[in-house]
């Protein structure tokens, strides 16, 4: 079944590898080299190079490079392979990232552990993200690595690693630093803040005033595209202020719940932060749910009740069938999972967690 699903999802890009979001990243890098990095968010240059790479394809409002500059920087070593070759290289890198994240964070042993991997590679958001050349699996790896480093008593490199992953696609882990701040992981947060600050400063210097203006313009446009908020609370509450208030409430509740469970093991804090990021996002697509893989693995490691573990199947299924079912069932399922994480466990796992740092 996994092979059939993977073949069906990946078939379009095997025929046309440029029909992916990764092409937009490749375009940004080319703009950087050919016209200067301050112009990577120029709509005129993006349109020009898109037409050059994909002649005859309609250039719509979903075909914009709006990711932060570090994603383009990361892609630079792949550009000598050409647009198609760079996509395939990125796909290989993403698969390796998934395997590494699974190796680091998946619970269990033996066959049960391998079943987690099989489920991951068969899950539609993962395949969908691979087909579009999305950075979600790379972010997934940085989250798993950050958790492992923090658990092993190395908060500074953990914070650096999370910041590097967050710089590629911030909304995937937006609530996680807030949750870790609430539980008192001060050294982790300091390292994260310094790294994010350095990357942000480098981006601002590179873009300059005109580049920042172009970036703000593209971000403002993106918020008006219905598809960009289809899998958020805006589906239920509308795209106005009410949905933004609800998303802010999710982040506040997550922080309060994290503080109430500040002595819980780090895997529970990470799971809470990731689920809050998905539920409180203002910009989210189906492939972005990929980050919930590591949330599920860490949630399972925290040894919740069996009925809460079983609920993960409901979450996975409602996301798998999001297109025919609409986003409402998955929003309800994730909200319930979020509620589980907000309520302290009656008894924490019988092991010592690393002292907050």
Foldseek 3Di string as FASTA:
>chain_A
DLVVLLCVLQVVCVVPVCPALVVLLLQLLVCCVPPNNLCSLPPVSSVVVVCVVPPPDDDDLVNGPQAFCLLSVVLVVLPVLPSSSSLVVLLVVLVVLQVLLLVQFFDDDDPVSVVLVSCLSSFPLQSNCSNRSHCLSVLLSLLSVLLNCVQVPNLLVSLLSNLSSCSGPVLQQVLLLLLLVLLFLVNNNVNNVVNNVVSVVVRCVRNDPSSVVSSVVSVVSLLPDCQFQQLECCVVVNSDPVRLVVLVVLSVLLSVLSNVPSQAAVLLSRLLSSLSSSHSPSTDHLSSCSSNSSSLSSVVVFPDDPVLNVLVVQLSVCSSCCVVVGNVSNSVSSVVNNVSSSDDDPDTPPDHTDDRD
